[in-house]
């Protein structure tokens, strides 16, 4: 994936593969967001972060899986998510609220495994699902941690399964 993005001049060829995680999962049994941060506190500014994601175990309620970037604290990060019925979003959390960002629905994205990709370059964050640009969000360029997340809209048990997580970064 990184090489294809490099050939299309979407990411820099002068970067390095900074993180790879073959498989991971996150589970949550309450409403809200449960994060699993990756890279032991390492921060990134300009990067591409990708993963195959599948929502599992959320049969009776609405839940999703996502990627966290620009993580500075529990109340300061950006979340890109996809839920099990095809809802998707990209939003920045500040304090107790998520600032309005991108949100949409596409029933074709409900269920199964999907590739999520975030590209952070300068002051813009680009969000792709299965190779299609969903949208972009203006965010202040800053170093932050990256991670994975479960997003529960109600109190249910949800597991998010992640495969082939990777991060390509450049200066």
Protein backbone atom coordinates (compact mmCIF):
# COMPACT_ATOMS: atom_id res chain seq x y z
CA UNK A 1 0.00 0.00 0.00
CA UNK A 2 2.76 2.44 0.95
CA UNK A 3 4.53 1.85 -2.37
CA UNK A 4 1.32 2.48 -4.34
CA UNK A 5 0.79 5.76 -2.45
CA UNK A 6 4.41 6.71 -3.09
CA UNK A 7 4.07 6.08 -6.85
CA UNK A 8 0.94 8.30 -6.96
CA UNK A 9 2.87 11.05 -5.10
CA UNK A 10 0.43 10.96 -2.18
CA UNK A 11 3.17 10.24 0.38
CA UNK A 12 6.86 11.10 0.38
CA UNK A 13 9.34 8.59 -1.05
CA UNK A 14 11.94 9.81 1.46
CA UNK A 15 10.09 8.38 4.44
CA UNK A 16 10.53 5.26 6.51
CA UNK A 17 8.29 2.46 7.71
CA UNK A 18 8.07 3.43 11.39
CA UNK A 19 5.52 0.96 12.71
CA UNK A 20 4.06 -2.42 11.75
CA UNK A 21 1.65 -4.52 13.79
CA UNK A 22 0.55 -7.79 12.14
CA UNK A 23 -2.55 -8.27 14.31
CA UNK A 24 -4.30 -6.53 17.20
CA UNK A 25 -7.70 -6.30 18.84
CA UNK A 26 -9.51 -3.91 21.15
CA UNK A 27 -12.60 -4.78 23.21
CA UNK A 28 -15.02 -2.58 25.15
CA UNK A 29 -18.17 -3.34 27.14
CA UNK A 30 -19.46 0.18 27.90
CA UNK A 31 -20.62 3.15 25.91
CA UNK A 32 -17.91 5.51 24.72
CA UNK A 33 -14.46 5.05 23.21
CA UNK A 34 -11.75 2.62 24.29
CA UNK A 35 -8.31 3.32 22.85
CA UNK A 36 -5.25 1.12 22.45
CA UNK A 37 -2.26 3.33 21.72
CA UNK A 38 0.55 1.90 19.57
CA UNK A 39 4.28 2.59 19.50
CA UNK A 40 4.99 3.06 23.23
CA UNK A 41 4.57 6.82 23.31
CA UNK A 42 6.30 7.57 19.99
CA UNK A 43 4.79 10.61 18.28
CA UNK A 44 4.35 11.31 14.56
CA UNK A 45 3.62 14.50 12.59
CA UNK A 46 3.59 13.70 8.85
CA UNK A 47 2.58 10.12 8.09
CA UNK A 48 0.28 7.59 6.46
CA UNK A 49 -1.42 5.12 8.84
CA UNK A 50 -3.31 2.13 7.44
CA UNK A 51 -5.03 -1.01 8.75
CA UNK A 52 -7.57 -3.69 7.85
CA UNK A 53 -10.43 -3.38 10.35
CA UNK A 54 -13.44 -5.53 11.25
CA UNK A 55 -16.16 -4.94 13.86
CA UNK A 56 -16.94 -8.15 15.78
CA UNK A 57 -19.32 -8.98 18.60
CA UNK A 58 -21.64 -5.93 18.33
CA UNK A 59 -24.84 -7.75 17.41
CA UNK A 60 -27.54 -5.93 19.35
CA UNK A 61 -26.36 -2.31 19.23
CA UNK A 62 -24.45 0.18 17.17
CA UNK A 63 -20.65 0.15 17.38
CA UNK A 64 -17.62 0.90 15.28
CA UNK A 65 -13.86 0.63 15.00
CA UNK A 66 -11.38 3.35 14.30
CA UNK A 67 -7.92 4.81 14.16
CA UNK A 68 -6.64 7.47 16.55
CA UNK A 69 -4.07 10.08 15.47
CA UNK A 70 -2.65 13.31 16.93
CA UNK A 71 -3.22 11.85 20.40
CA UNK A 72 -2.06 14.27 23.10
CA UNK A 73 -4.40 13.20 25.94
CA UNK A 74 -7.70 11.41 26.63
CA UNK A 75 -9.53 14.58 25.62
CA UNK A 76 -7.31 15.75 22.73
CA UNK A 77 -7.03 13.55 19.62
CA UNK A 78 -8.52 12.85 16.18
CA UNK A 79 -10.71 9.78 15.54
CA UNK A 80 -11.49 8.18 12.17
CA UNK A 81 -14.11 5.42 12.46
CA UNK A 82 -16.37 3.04 10.57
CA UNK A 83 -19.37 1.32 12.18
CA UNK A 84 -20.96 -2.04 11.39
CA UNK A 85 -23.84 -0.56 9.32
CA UNK A 86 -21.67 1.69 7.14
CA UNK A 87 -21.56 4.94 9.11
CA UNK A 88 -18.17 6.64 9.01
CA UNK A 89 -16.61 9.76 10.43
CA UNK A 90 -13.53 11.84 11.07
CA UNK A 91 -13.57 14.26 13.96
CA UNK A 92 -11.27 16.00 16.43
CA UNK A 93 -11.94 15.67 20.14
CA UNK A 94 -11.36 18.74 22.28
CA UNK A 95 -12.31 18.39 25.92
CA UNK A 96 -15.60 16.53 26.36
CA UNK A 97 -16.83 17.23 22.80
CA UNK A 98 -16.06 16.16 19.25
CA UNK A 99 -15.81 19.10 16.87
CA UNK A 100 -18.04 18.61 13.81
CA UNK A 101 -15.98 17.03 11.07
CA UNK A 102 -16.86 14.52 8.38
CA UNK A 103 -19.75 12.09 8.75
CA UNK A 104 -21.59 9.95 6.24
CA UNK A 105 -23.26 6.61 5.64
CA UNK A 106 -22.79 4.00 2.95
CA UNK A 107 -24.58 0.68 3.45
CA UNK A 108 -21.98 -1.02 1.20
CA UNK A 109 -19.41 -0.41 3.96
CA UNK A 110 -21.44 -2.27 6.60
CA UNK A 111 -20.00 -5.58 7.81
CA UNK A 112 -16.86 -7.40 6.80
CA UNK A 113 -13.29 -6.18 6.72
CA UNK A 114 -12.33 -2.74 5.39
CA UNK A 115 -9.07 -0.89 4.85
CA UNK A 116 -8.86 2.43 6.73
CA UNK A 117 -6.13 4.90 5.76
CA UNK A 118 -5.25 8.28 7.25
CA UNK A 119 -2.67 10.59 5.70
CA UNK A 120 -1.44 13.52 7.79
CA UNK A 121 0.45 16.14 5.79
CA UNK A 122 1.02 19.76 6.76
CA UNK A 123 -2.31 21.06 8.14
CA UNK A 124 -4.65 18.51 6.55
CA UNK A 125 -5.76 14.99 7.43
CA UNK A 126 -7.08 12.79 4.57
CA UNK A 127 -9.38 9.82 5.28
CA UNK A 128 -9.74 6.87 2.89
CA UNK A 129 -11.89 3.74 3.22
CA UNK A 130 -11.13 0.85 0.87
CA UNK A 131 -9.07 3.16 -1.35
CA UNK A 132 -11.77 5.83 -1.75
CA UNK A 133 -11.19 9.33 -0.39
CA UNK A 134 -13.96 9.97 2.16
CA UNK A 135 -12.85 13.51 2.88
CA UNK A 136 -10.27 15.69 4.54
CA UNK A 137 -10.15 17.73 7.70
CA UNK A 138 -8.12 20.81 8.50
CA UNK A 139 -6.09 20.08 11.64
CA UNK A 140 -3.10 21.82 13.15
CA UNK A 141 0.13 20.03 12.27
CA UNK A 142 1.54 18.63 15.50
CA UNK A 143 3.21 15.53 16.84
CA UNK A 144 0.95 12.98 18.48
CA UNK A 145 0.60 9.29 19.21
CA UNK A 146 -1.41 6.87 17.05
CA UNK A 147 -3.66 3.99 18.05
CA UNK A 148 -6.77 1.91 17.49
CA UNK A 149 -10.21 2.26 19.07
CA UNK A 150 -13.62 0.74 19.75
CA UNK A 151 -16.53 3.20 19.46
CA UNK A 152 -19.70 2.07 21.31
CA UNK A 153 -22.83 4.20 20.96
CA UNK A 154 -24.44 2.30 23.84
CA UNK A 155 -23.47 -0.20 26.55
CA UNK A 156 -22.66 -3.37 24.57
CA UNK A 157 -19.61 -5.60 24.19
CA UNK A 158 -17.71 -4.91 20.99
CA UNK A 159 -14.42 -6.25 19.66
CA UNK A 160 -12.49 -4.59 16.86
CA UNK A 161 -10.07 -6.84 15.00
CA UNK A 162 -7.12 -5.13 13.25
CA UNK A 163 -4.74 -6.69 10.72
CA UNK A 164 -1.67 -5.32 8.97
CA UNK A 165 -1.39 -2.01 10.80
CA UNK A 166 1.41 0.10 9.33
CA UNK A 167 2.72 3.65 9.56
CA UNK A 168 4.96 5.37 6.98
CA UNK A 169 6.41 8.68 8.15
CA UNK A 170 8.41 11.43 6.55
CA UNK A 171 9.85 14.84 7.50
